[in-house]
């Protein structure tokens, strides 16, 4: 009988970090999101309820990107703790 080895094409080790397809896709999405954020540098006004906030577009987008990351991170951690 031969020993089964893990599928070499599904994991790649770079600098001590296992890069799976999921991590590579996540990194690509993060880079594209950051390019989008920093290419929108004009002044924008955000109106929410009674607030009128004015700031560079990249600041608004970066705050929303970080908020989305935190929500996804906390929801993902809850799912893994239950399972």
PDB file of N, CA and C in Angstrom:
ATOM      1  N   UNK A   1       0.826  -1.174   0.000  1.00  0.00           N
ATOM      2  CA  UNK A   1       0.000   0.000   0.000  1.00  0.00           C
ATOM      3  C   UNK A   1       0.878   1.248   0.000  1.00  0.00           C
ATOM      4  N   UNK A   2       0.428   2.233  -0.713  1.00  0.00           N
ATOM      5  CA  UNK A   2       1.188   3.483  -0.743  1.00  0.00           C
ATOM      6  C   UNK A   2       0.512   4.514   0.155  1.00  0.00           C
ATOM      7  N   UNK A   3       1.338   5.350   0.728  1.00  0.00           N
ATOM      8  CA  UNK A   3       0.792   6.399   1.581  1.00  0.00           C
ATOM      9  C   UNK A   3       0.207   7.506   0.718  1.00  0.00           C
ATOM     10  N   UNK A   4      -0.917   8.040   1.151  1.00  0.00           N
ATOM     11  CA  UNK A   4      -1.521   9.147   0.428  1.00  0.00           C
ATOM     12  C   UNK A   4      -0.896  10.438   0.920  1.00  0.00           C
ATOM     13  N   UNK A   5      -0.463  11.260  -0.037  1.00  0.00           N
ATOM     14  CA  UNK A   5       0.116  12.544   0.306  1.00  0.00           C
ATOM     15  C   UNK A   5      -0.892  13.627   0.006  1.00  0.00           C
ATOM     16  N   UNK A   6      -0.835  14.726   0.755  1.00  0.00           N
ATOM     17  CA  UNK A   6      -1.764  15.824   0.488  1.00  0.00           C
ATOM     18  C   UNK A   6      -1.596  16.329  -0.934  1.00  0.00           C
ATOM     19  N   UNK A   7      -2.667  16.799  -1.483  1.00  0.00           N
ATOM     20  CA  UNK A   7      -2.655  17.327  -2.840  1.00  0.00           C
ATOM     21  C   UNK A   7      -1.734  18.545  -2.884  1.00  0.00           C
ATOM     22  N   UNK A   8      -0.630  18.442  -3.602  1.00  0.00           N
ATOM     23  CA  UNK A   8       0.365  19.506  -3.645  1.00  0.00           C
ATOM     24  C   UNK A   8      -0.175  20.750  -4.341  1.00  0.00           C
ATOM     25  N   UNK A   9      -1.149  20.594  -5.237  1.00  0.00           N
ATOM     26  CA  UNK A   9      -1.650  21.755  -5.964  1.00  0.00           C
ATOM     27  C   UNK A   9      -2.610  22.601  -5.137  1.00  0.00           C
ATOM     28  N   UNK A  10      -3.142  22.061  -4.028  1.00  0.00           N
ATOM     29  CA  UNK A  10      -4.105  22.829  -3.235  1.00  0.00           C
ATOM     30  C   UNK A  10      -3.433  23.708  -2.190  1.00  0.00           C
ATOM     31  N   UNK A  11      -2.172  23.460  -1.874  1.00  0.00           N
ATOM     32  CA  UNK A  11      -1.463  24.266  -0.884  1.00  0.00           C
ATOM     33  C   UNK A  11      -0.070  24.605  -1.403  1.00  0.00           C
ATOM     34  N   UNK A  12       0.338  25.821  -1.077  1.00  0.00           N
ATOM     35  CA  UNK A  12       1.669  26.263  -1.438  1.00  0.00           C
ATOM     36  C   UNK A  12       2.231  26.981  -0.223  1.00  0.00           C
ATOM     37  N   UNK A  13       3.478  26.704   0.116  1.00  0.00           N
ATOM     38  CA  UNK A  13       4.079  27.312   1.288  1.00  0.00           C
ATOM     39  C   UNK A  13       5.050  28.403   0.833  1.00  0.00           C
ATOM     40  N   UNK A  14       4.801  29.643   1.306  1.00  0.00           N
ATOM     41  CA  UNK A  14       5.654  30.783   0.969  1.00  0.00           C
ATOM     42  C   UNK A  14       6.042  31.474   2.264  1.00  0.00           C
ATOM     43  N   UNK A  15       7.325  31.504   2.557  1.00  0.00           N
ATOM     44  CA  UNK A  15       7.804  32.183   3.755  1.00  0.00           C
ATOM     45  C   UNK A  15       7.191  31.651   5.036  1.00  0.00           C
ATOM     46  N   UNK A  16       6.916  30.365   5.105  1.00  0.00           N
ATOM     47  CA  UNK A  16       6.340  29.767   6.302  1.00  0.00           C
ATOM     48  C   UNK A  16       4.835  29.914   6.415  1.00  0.00           C
ATOM     49  N   UNK A  17       4.183  30.472   5.381  1.00  0.00           N
ATOM     50  CA  UNK A  17       2.728  30.659   5.392  1.00  0.00           C
ATOM     51  C   UNK A  17       2.117  29.732   4.354  1.00  0.00           C
ATOM     52  N   UNK A  18       1.129  28.958   4.764  1.00  0.00           N
ATOM     53  CA  UNK A  18       0.424  28.099   3.817  1.00  0.00           C
ATOM     54  C   UNK A  18      -0.542  28.941   2.996  1.00  0.00           C
ATOM     55  N   UNK A  19      -0.331  28.983   1.696  1.00  0.00           N
ATOM     56  CA  UNK A  19      -1.220  29.735   0.819  1.00  0.00           C
ATOM     57  C   UNK A  19      -2.190  28.763   0.150  1.00  0.00           C
ATOM     58  N   UNK A  20      -3.436  28.869   0.525  1.00  0.00           N
ATOM     59  CA  UNK A  20      -4.480  28.073  -0.108  1.00  0.00           C
ATOM     60  C   UNK A  20      -5.164  28.951  -1.156  1.00  0.00           C
ATOM     61  N   UNK A  21      -5.998  28.344  -1.976  1.00  0.00           N
ATOM     62  CA  UNK A  21      -6.722  29.107  -2.993  1.00  0.00           C
ATOM     63  C   UNK A  21      -7.590  30.172  -2.334  1.00  0.00           C
ATOM     64  N   UNK A  22      -8.177  29.863  -1.207  1.00  0.00           N
ATOM     65  CA  UNK A  22      -9.027  30.825  -0.495  1.00  0.00           C
ATOM     66  C   UNK A  22      -8.223  32.047  -0.043  1.00  0.00           C
ATOM     67  N   UNK A  23      -7.023  31.828   0.468  1.00  0.00           N
ATOM     68  CA  UNK A  23      -6.187  32.939   0.918  1.00  0.00           C
ATOM     69  C   UNK A  23      -5.698  33.776  -0.268  1.00  0.00           C
ATOM     70  N   UNK A  24      -5.350  33.128  -1.354  1.00  0.00           N
ATOM     71  CA  UNK A  24      -4.894  33.852  -2.547  1.00  0.00           C
ATOM     72  C   UNK A  24      -6.015  34.730  -3.088  1.00  0.00           C
ATOM     73  N   UNK A  25      -7.218  34.198  -3.164  1.00  0.00           N
ATOM     74  CA  UNK A  25      -8.366  34.983  -3.634  1.00  0.00           C
ATOM     75  C   UNK A  25      -8.634  36.133  -2.673  1.00  0.00           C
ATOM     76  N   UNK A  26      -8.545  35.892  -1.388  1.00  0.00           N
ATOM     77  CA  UNK A  26      -8.726  36.947  -0.395  1.00  0.00           C
ATOM     78  C   UNK A  26      -7.695  38.057  -0.542  1.00  0.00           C
ATOM     79  N   UNK A  27      -6.441  37.686  -0.796  1.00  0.00           N
ATOM     80  CA  UNK A  27      -5.394  38.687  -1.000  1.00  0.00           C
ATOM     81  C   UNK A  27      -5.640  39.503  -2.262  1.00  0.00           C
ATOM     82  N   UNK A  28      -6.086  38.852  -3.329  1.00  0.00           N
ATOM     83  CA  UNK A  28      -6.382  39.557  -4.574  1.00  0.00           C
ATOM     84  C   UNK A  28      -7.525  40.551  -4.354  1.00  0.00           C
ATOM     85  N   UNK A  29      -8.572  40.123  -3.674  1.00  0.00           N
ATOM     86  CA  UNK A  29      -9.702  41.017  -3.397  1.00  0.00           C
ATOM     87  C   UNK A  29      -9.251  42.188  -2.533  1.00  0.00           C
ATOM     88  N   UNK A  30      -8.408  41.934  -1.542  1.00  0.00           N
ATOM     89  CA  UNK A  30      -7.917  43.008  -0.673  1.00  0.00           C
ATOM     90  C   UNK A  30      -7.091  44.023  -1.457  1.00  0.00           C
ATOM     91  N   UNK A  31      -6.230  43.551  -2.347  1.00  0.00           N
ATOM     92  CA  UNK A  31      -5.406  44.463  -3.151  1.00  0.00           C
ATOM     93  C   UNK A  31      -6.279  45.300  -4.078  1.00  0.00           C
ATOM     94  N   UNK A  32      -7.264  44.665  -4.732  1.00  0.00           N
ATOM     95  CA  UNK A  32      -8.169  45.409  -5.621  1.00  0.00           C
ATOM     96  C   UNK A  32      -8.971  46.432  -4.827  1.00  0.00           C
ATOM     97  N   UNK A  33      -9.434  46.062  -3.641  1.00  0.00           N
ATOM     98  CA  UNK A  33     -10.189  46.996  -2.809  1.00  0.00           C
ATOM     99  C   UNK A  33      -9.330  48.188  -2.400  1.00  0.00           C
ATOM    100  N   UNK A  34      -8.080  47.937  -2.028  1.00  0.00           N
ATOM    101  CA  UNK A  34      -7.199  49.035  -1.641  1.00  0.00           C
ATOM    102  C   UNK A  34      -6.871  49.939  -2.826  1.00  0.00           C
ATOM    103  N   UNK A  35      -6.690  49.369  -4.006  1.00  0.00           N
ATOM    104  CA  UNK A  35      -6.472  50.184  -5.209  1.00  0.00           C
ATOM    105  C   UNK A  35      -7.688  51.070  -5.450  1.00  0.00           C
ATOM    106  N   UNK A  36      -8.880  50.512  -5.306  1.00  0.00           N
ATOM    107  CA  UNK A  36     -10.110  51.283  -5.476  1.00  0.00           C
ATOM    108  C   UNK A  36     -10.199  52.410  -4.455  1.00  0.00           C
ATOM    109  N   UNK A  37      -9.882  52.110  -3.210  1.00  0.00           N
ATOM    110  CA  UNK A  37      -9.959  53.109  -2.140  1.00  0.00           C
ATOM    111  C   UNK A  37      -9.019  54.271  -2.432  1.00  0.00           C
ATOM    112  N   UNK A  38      -7.766  53.978  -2.750  1.00  0.00           N
ATOM    113  CA  UNK A  38      -6.782  55.040  -2.903  1.00  0.00           C
ATOM    114  C   UNK A  38      -6.825  55.728  -4.262  1.00  0.00           C
ATOM    115  N   UNK A  39      -7.643  55.229  -5.187  1.00  0.00           N
ATOM    116  CA  UNK A  39      -7.809  55.940  -6.453  1.00  0.00           C
ATOM    117  C   UNK A  39      -8.979  56.929  -6.393  1.00  0.00           C
ATOM    118  N   UNK A  40      -9.724  56.934  -5.312  1.00  0.00           N
ATOM    119  CA  UNK A  40     -10.823  57.881  -5.112  1.00  0.00           C
ATOM    120  C   UNK A  40     -10.408  58.889  -4.048  1.00  0.00           C
ATOM    121  N   UNK A  41      -9.771  59.970  -4.501  1.00  0.00           N
ATOM    122  CA  UNK A  41      -9.194  60.919  -3.554  1.00  0.00           C
ATOM    123  C   UNK A  41      -9.981  62.216  -3.435  1.00  0.00           C
ATOM    124  N   UNK A  42     -11.021  62.389  -4.239  1.00  0.00           N
ATOM    125  CA  UNK A  42     -11.798  63.630  -4.192  1.00  0.00           C
ATOM    126  C   UNK A  42     -12.600  63.768  -2.911  1.00  0.00           C
ATOM    127  N   UNK A  43     -12.966  65.003  -2.602  1.00  0.00           N
ATOM    128  CA  UNK A  43     -13.757  65.300  -1.403  1.00  0.00           C
ATOM    129  C   UNK A  43     -15.200  64.814  -1.606  1.00  0.00           C
ATOM    130  N   UNK A  44     -15.754  64.117  -0.619  1.00  0.00           N
ATOM    131  CA  UNK A  44     -17.131  63.639  -0.688  1.00  0.00           C
ATOM    132  C   UNK A  44     -17.862  64.013   0.603  1.00  0.00           C
ATOM    133  N   UNK A  45     -19.189  64.093   0.498  1.00  0.00           N
ATOM    134  CA  UNK A  45     -20.019  64.360   1.661  1.00  0.00           C
ATOM    135  C   UNK A  45     -20.942  63.171   1.874  1.00  0.00           C
ATOM    136  N   UNK A  46     -20.924  62.640   3.070  1.00  0.00           N
ATOM    137  CA  UNK A  46     -21.770  61.517   3.444  1.00  0.00           C
ATOM    138  C   UNK A  46     -22.902  62.046   4.306  1.00  0.00           C
ATOM    139  N   UNK A  47     -24.116  61.768   3.887  1.00  0.00           N
ATOM    140  CA  UNK A  47     -25.298  62.185   4.658  1.00  0.00           C
ATOM    141  C   UNK A  47     -25.946  60.945   5.250  1.00  0.00           C
ATOM    142  N   UNK A  48     -26.002  60.891   6.562  1.00  0.00           N
ATOM    143  CA  UNK A  48     -26.598  59.766   7.273  1.00  0.00           C
ATOM    144  C   UNK A  48     -27.400  60.318   8.436  1.00  0.00           C
ATOM    145  N   UNK A  49     -28.697  60.064   8.399  1.00  0.00           N
ATOM    146  CA  UNK A  49     -29.627  60.596   9.381  1.00  0.00           C
ATOM    147  C   UNK A  49     -29.468  62.110   9.466  1.00  0.00           C
ATOM    148  N   UNK A  50     -29.027  62.637  10.596  1.00  0.00           N
ATOM    149  CA  UNK A  50     -28.860  64.077  10.733  1.00  0.00           C
ATOM    150  C   UNK A  50     -27.406  64.517  10.538  1.00  0.00           C
ATOM    151  N   UNK A  51     -26.511  63.580  10.288  1.00  0.00           N
ATOM    152  CA  UNK A  51     -25.094  63.898  10.163  1.00  0.00           C
ATOM    153  C   UNK A  51     -24.721  64.202   8.715  1.00  0.00           C
ATOM    154  N   UNK A  52     -23.882  65.207   8.507  1.00  0.00           N
ATOM    155  CA  UNK A  52     -23.262  65.502   7.225  1.00  0.00           C
ATOM    156  C   UNK A  52     -21.752  65.464   7.437  1.00  0.00           C
ATOM    157  N   UNK A  53     -21.113  64.410   6.964  1.00  0.00           N
ATOM    158  CA  UNK A  53     -19.669  64.265   7.129  1.00  0.00           C
ATOM    159  C   UNK A  53     -18.989  64.533   5.792  1.00  0.00           C
ATOM    160  N   UNK A  54     -17.965  65.350   5.806  1.00  0.00           N
ATOM    161  CA  UNK A  54     -17.219  65.659   4.604  1.00  0.00           C
ATOM    162  C   UNK A  54     -15.765  65.252   4.813  1.00  0.00           C
ATOM    163  N   UNK A  55     -15.243  64.437   3.893  1.00  0.00           N
ATOM    164  CA  UNK A  55     -13.867  63.944   3.995  1.00  0.00           C
ATOM    165  C   UNK A  55     -13.421  63.470   2.615  1.00  0.00           C
ATOM    166  N   UNK A  56     -12.129  63.244   2.444  1.00  0.00           N
ATOM    167  CA  UNK A  56     -11.677  62.656   1.176  1.00  0.00           C
ATOM    168  C   UNK A  56     -12.331  61.291   0.967  1.00  0.00           C
ATOM    169  N   UNK A  57     -12.619  60.960  -0.278  1.00  0.00           N
ATOM    170  CA  UNK A  57     -13.290  59.702  -0.592  1.00  0.00           C
ATOM    171  C   UNK A  57     -12.551  58.482  -0.088  1.00  0.00           C
ATOM    172  N   UNK A  58     -11.217  58.510  -0.152  1.00  0.00           N
ATOM    173  CA  UNK A  58     -10.456  57.341   0.279  1.00  0.00           C
ATOM    174  C   UNK A  58     -10.618  57.080   1.768  1.00  0.00           C
ATOM    175  N   UNK A  59     -10.808  58.145   2.558  1.00  0.00           N
ATOM    176  CA  UNK A  59     -11.000  57.961   4.003  1.00  0.00           C
ATOM    177  C   UNK A  59     -12.337  57.264   4.261  1.00  0.00           C
ATOM    178  N   UNK A  60     -13.383  57.746   3.587  1.00  0.00           N
ATOM    179  CA  UNK A  60     -14.713  57.135   3.754  1.00  0.00           C
ATOM    180  C   UNK A  60     -14.694  55.663   3.333  1.00  0.00           C
ATOM    181  N   UNK A  61     -14.089  55.397   2.180  1.00  0.00           N
ATOM    182  CA  UNK A  61     -14.047  54.021   1.687  1.00  0.00           C
ATOM    183  C   UNK A  61     -13.214  53.123   2.590  1.00  0.00           C
ATOM    184  N   UNK A  62     -12.111  53.643   3.097  1.00  0.00           N
ATOM    185  CA  UNK A  62     -11.265  52.846   3.989  1.00  0.00           C
ATOM    186  C   UNK A  62     -11.989  52.506   5.283  1.00  0.00           C
ATOM    187  N   UNK A  63     -12.726  53.459   5.831  1.00  0.00           N
ATOM    188  CA  UNK A  63     -13.502  53.203   7.053  1.00  0.00           C
ATOM    189  C   UNK A  63     -14.559  52.128   6.788  1.00  0.00           C
ATOM    190  N   UNK A  64     -15.248  52.230   5.652  1.00  0.00           N
ATOM    191  CA  UNK A  64     -16.260  51.222   5.318  1.00  0.00           C
ATOM    192  C   UNK A  64     -15.630  49.857   5.052  1.00  0.00           C
ATOM    193  N   UNK A  65     -14.469  49.839   4.414  1.00  0.00           N
ATOM    194  CA  UNK A  65     -13.758  48.586   4.168  1.00  0.00           C
ATOM    195  C   UNK A  65     -13.365  47.917   5.482  1.00  0.00           C
ATOM    196  N   UNK A  66     -12.840  48.702   6.410  1.00  0.00           N
ATOM    197  CA  UNK A  66     -12.460  48.158   7.716  1.00  0.00           C
ATOM    198  C   UNK A  66     -13.677  47.676   8.503  1.00  0.00           C
ATOM    199  N   UNK A  67     -14.783  48.419   8.421  1.00  0.00           N
ATOM    200  CA  UNK A  67     -16.005  47.993   9.101  1.00  0.00           C
ATOM    201  C   UNK A  67     -16.500  46.663   8.527  1.00  0.00           C
ATOM    202  N   UNK A  68     -16.470  46.536   7.212  1.00  0.00           N
ATOM    203  CA  UNK A  68     -16.873  45.276   6.587  1.00  0.00           C
ATOM    204  C   UNK A  68     -15.967  44.126   6.974  1.00  0.00           C
ATOM    205  N   UNK A  69     -14.670  44.394   7.063  1.00  0.00           N
ATOM    206  CA  UNK A  69     -13.719  43.362   7.481  1.00  0.00           C
ATOM    207  C   UNK A  69     -14.020  42.903   8.905  1.00  0.00           C
ATOM    208  N   UNK A  70     -14.260  43.865   9.802  1.00  0.00           N
ATOM    209  CA  UNK A  70     -14.542  43.505  11.196  1.00  0.00           C
ATOM    210  C   UNK A  70     -15.827  42.697  11.334  1.00  0.00           C
ATOM    211  N   UNK A  71     -16.863  43.072  10.587  1.00  0.00           N
ATOM    212  CA  UNK A  71     -18.119  42.318  10.629  1.00  0.00           C
ATOM    213  C   UNK A  71     -17.888  40.897  10.117  1.00  0.00           C
ATOM    214  N   UNK A  72     -17.206  40.783   8.987  1.00  0.00           N
ATOM    215  CA  UNK A  72     -16.925  39.457   8.440  1.00  0.00           C
ATOM    216  C   UNK A  72     -16.059  38.622   9.362  1.00  0.00           C
ATOM    217  N   UNK A  73     -15.079  39.247   9.982  1.00  0.00           N
ATOM    218  CA  UNK A  73     -14.192  38.532  10.890  1.00  0.00           C
ATOM    219  C   UNK A  73     -14.939  38.013  12.105  1.00  0.00           C
ATOM    220  N   UNK A  74     -15.772  38.870  12.701  1.00  0.00           N
ATOM    221  CA  UNK A  74     -16.499  38.432  13.895  1.00  0.00           C
ATOM    222  C   UNK A  74     -17.556  37.386  13.562  1.00  0.00           C
ATOM    223  N   UNK A  75     -18.219  37.514  12.437  1.00  0.00           N
ATOM    224  CA  UNK A  75     -19.219  36.512  12.052  1.00  0.00           C
ATOM    225  C   UNK A  75     -18.540  35.182  11.716  1.00  0.00           C
ATOM    226  N   UNK A  76     -17.391  35.243  11.069  1.00  0.00           N
ATOM    227  CA  UNK A  76     -16.655  34.029  10.728  1.00  0.00           C
ATOM    228  C   UNK A  76     -16.152  33.308  11.959  1.00  0.00           C
ATOM    229  N   UNK A  77     -15.662  34.057  12.931  1.00  0.00           N
ATOM    230  CA  UNK A  77     -15.183  33.439  14.168  1.00  0.00           C
ATOM    231  C   UNK A  77     -16.316  32.745  14.905  1.00  0.00           C
ATOM    232  N   UNK A  78     -17.507  33.344  14.915  1.00  0.00           N
ATOM    233  CA  UNK A  78     -18.649  32.746  15.585  1.00  0.00           C
ATOM    234  C   UNK A  78     -19.023  31.422  14.912  1.00  0.00           C
ATOM    235  N   UNK A  79     -18.981  31.400  13.577  1.00  0.00           N
ATOM    236  CA  UNK A  79     -19.343  30.200  12.842  1.00  0.00           C
ATOM    237  C   UNK A  79     -18.356  29.065  13.161  1.00  0.00           C
ATOM    238  N   UNK A  80     -17.045  29.382  13.223  1.00  0.00           N
ATOM    239  CA  UNK A  80     -16.065  28.342  13.498  1.00  0.00           C
ATOM    240  C   UNK A  80     -16.118  27.862  14.939  1.00  0.00           C
ATOM    241  N   UNK A  81     -16.462  28.729  15.862  1.00  0.00           N
ATOM    242  CA  UNK A  81     -16.575  28.314  17.254  1.00  0.00           C
ATOM    243  C   UNK A  81     -17.745  27.373  17.462  1.00  0.00           C
ATOM    244  N   UNK A  82     -18.842  27.577  16.720  1.00  0.00           N
ATOM    245  CA  UNK A  82     -20.016  26.718  16.861  1.00  0.00           C
ATOM    246  C   UNK A  82     -19.776  25.354  16.241  1.00  0.00           C
ATOM    247  N   UNK A  83     -19.044  25.327  15.123  1.00  0.00           N
ATOM    248  CA  UNK A  83     -18.845  24.070  14.388  1.00  0.00           C
ATOM    249  C   UNK A  83     -17.741  23.323  14.918  1.00  0.00           C
TER     250      UNK A  83
END
